[in-house]
Protein backbone atom coordinates (compact mmCIF):
# COMPACT_ATOMS: atom_id res chain seq x y z
CA MET A 1 -7.49 6.56 12.83
CA ILE A 2 -5.14 4.29 11.17
CA LYS A 3 -6.28 2.73 7.58
CA VAL A 4 -5.77 -0.69 6.44
CA TYR A 5 -5.98 -1.59 2.68
CA GLU A 6 -6.04 -5.06 2.25
CA TYR A 7 -7.27 -8.20 0.34
CA LYS A 8 -8.96 -10.79 2.32
CA GLY A 9 -6.85 -13.33 0.25
CA CYS A 10 -3.50 -12.38 1.18
CA GLY A 11 -1.40 -14.03 3.52
CA THR A 12 0.55 -11.10 4.47
CA CYS A 13 -2.20 -8.79 5.01
CA LYS A 14 -3.26 -11.18 7.74
CA LYS A 15 -0.06 -11.72 9.14
CA ALA A 16 0.14 -7.60 9.27
CA LEU A 17 -3.54 -7.44 10.85
CA LYS A 18 -2.48 -10.17 13.46
CA LEU A 19 0.62 -7.71 14.31
CA LEU A 20 -1.64 -4.77 14.57
CA ASP A 21 -4.11 -6.92 16.96
CA GLU A 22 -1.18 -7.87 19.06
CA LYS A 23 -0.52 -4.67 19.86
CA LYS A 24 -3.67 -3.54 20.11
CA ILE A 25 -3.56 -0.71 17.54
CA GLN A 26 -6.84 0.38 16.27
CA TYR A 27 -7.38 0.28 12.42
CA LYS A 28 -10.03 0.14 9.84
CA THR A 29 -9.79 -1.77 6.93
CA PHE A 30 -10.89 -1.23 3.42
CA PRO A 31 -11.19 -3.71 0.68
CA ILE A 32 -8.09 -2.78 -1.58
CA ARG A 33 -9.54 -4.11 -4.97
CA GLU A 34 -12.81 -2.86 -4.65
CA THR A 35 -11.86 0.67 -2.57
CA PRO A 36 -8.53 1.50 -3.53
CA PRO A 37 -6.89 4.31 -1.82
CA SER A 38 -7.46 8.18 -3.09
CA LYS A 39 -5.08 10.14 -5.07
CA SER A 40 -4.63 11.80 -1.92
CA GLU A 41 -3.79 9.04 0.21
CA LEU A 42 -1.20 7.26 -2.90
CA ASN A 43 0.52 10.97 -3.07
CA LYS A 44 0.70 11.10 1.01
CA MET A 45 2.04 7.39 0.82
CA LEU A 46 4.41 8.44 -2.03
CA GLY A 47 5.96 11.17 0.44
CA PHE A 48 6.39 8.38 3.25
CA LEU A 49 8.34 6.15 0.38
CA ASP A 50 10.47 8.87 -0.35
CA GLY A 51 8.95 9.47 -3.70
CA ASN A 52 10.05 5.81 -4.81
CA ILE A 53 6.84 5.15 -7.22
CA LYS A 54 8.14 1.43 -7.57
CA ARG A 55 7.57 0.65 -3.83
CA LEU A 56 3.69 1.38 -4.39
CA PHE A 57 3.17 -1.11 -7.06
CA ASN A 58 2.42 -4.77 -6.33
CA THR A 59 5.49 -6.27 -8.64
CA SER A 60 3.98 -9.87 -8.24
CA GLY A 61 0.73 -9.27 -9.16
CA GLN A 62 -0.75 -10.51 -12.37
CA ASP A 63 -2.18 -7.43 -13.15
CA TYR A 64 1.11 -5.69 -13.16
CA ARG A 65 2.32 -8.52 -15.18
CA ASN A 66 -0.42 -8.62 -17.67
CA LEU A 67 -0.37 -4.37 -18.20
CA GLY A 68 3.61 -4.91 -18.79
CA ILE A 69 3.88 -2.20 -16.01
CA LYS A 70 7.57 -3.45 -15.45
CA ASN A 71 8.49 -2.59 -19.16
CA GLU A 72 6.91 1.11 -18.52
CA ILE A 73 7.47 1.92 -14.63
CA ASN A 74 10.78 3.70 -15.27
CA ASP A 75 9.20 6.50 -17.80
CA MET A 76 5.91 6.86 -15.78
CA THR A 77 5.38 10.05 -13.66
CA PRO A 78 4.26 10.25 -10.53
CA THR A 79 0.78 11.46 -11.69
CA MET A 80 0.73 8.86 -14.04
CA ALA A 81 1.50 6.00 -11.41
CA ILE A 82 -0.94 7.70 -9.15
CA ASP A 83 -3.68 7.92 -11.53
CA LEU A 84 -3.30 4.35 -12.67
CA LEU A 85 -2.93 2.98 -8.91
CA SER A 86 -6.15 4.97 -7.59
CA LYS A 87 -8.30 2.98 -10.48
CA ASN A 88 -6.78 -0.08 -9.81
CA GLY A 89 -6.35 -1.47 -6.37
CA ASN A 90 -4.79 -4.77 -7.61
CA LEU A 91 -1.67 -2.81 -8.56
CA ILE A 92 -0.96 -1.56 -5.00
CA LYS A 93 1.39 -3.35 -2.76
CA ARG A 94 -0.63 -4.61 0.10
CA PRO A 95 -0.76 -4.27 2.94
CA PHE A 96 -1.48 -0.69 2.44
CA ILE A 97 -1.22 0.92 5.90
CA LEU A 98 -2.02 4.74 6.09
CA GLY A 99 -1.78 6.69 9.67
CA LYS A 100 -1.62 10.16 10.44
CA ASP A 101 2.34 10.39 10.47
CA PHE A 102 3.11 7.32 8.60
CA GLY A 103 2.71 5.07 5.87
CA LEU A 104 3.38 1.64 5.48
CA VAL A 105 3.59 -1.03 2.25
CA GLY A 106 4.14 -4.39 2.79
CA LEU A 107 5.13 -5.96 5.59
CA LYS A 108 8.74 -5.64 6.67
CA GLU A 109 8.81 -5.91 10.22
CA GLN A 110 11.83 -3.96 10.91
CA GLU A 111 9.86 -0.83 9.59
CA TRP A 112 7.08 -1.36 11.88
CA ASP A 113 9.65 -1.18 14.84
CA ASN A 114 10.51 2.35 14.04
CA ILE A 115 6.60 3.63 14.10
CA LYS A 116 4.82 5.59 16.61
CA TRP A 117 1.53 3.97 16.50
CA SER A 118 -0.29 6.42 18.76
């Protein structure tokens, strides 16, 4: 089952869910703020993102700015980033979509075209 971590007020999340529905993809949603992905799931996603920590972060979010992460992210180890993200779902780029053999953050439709959904 595909897991979709989303925020109800996020337009990008709504669009992603609509696309999944149009493709008749089965998924289960989780509120990213209240139930952030686990450290294991974040590490799995990091692998799909070729280890690029920055891609895990919601860089346009208020928490990202308020915590000054922009100034700290280059010095963060993956362990530090995963620990921080697992405790604050607002910091995670959304939607955060995790399948058995793939992971997606945000909505880049060209990336979606390359996914084997089944």
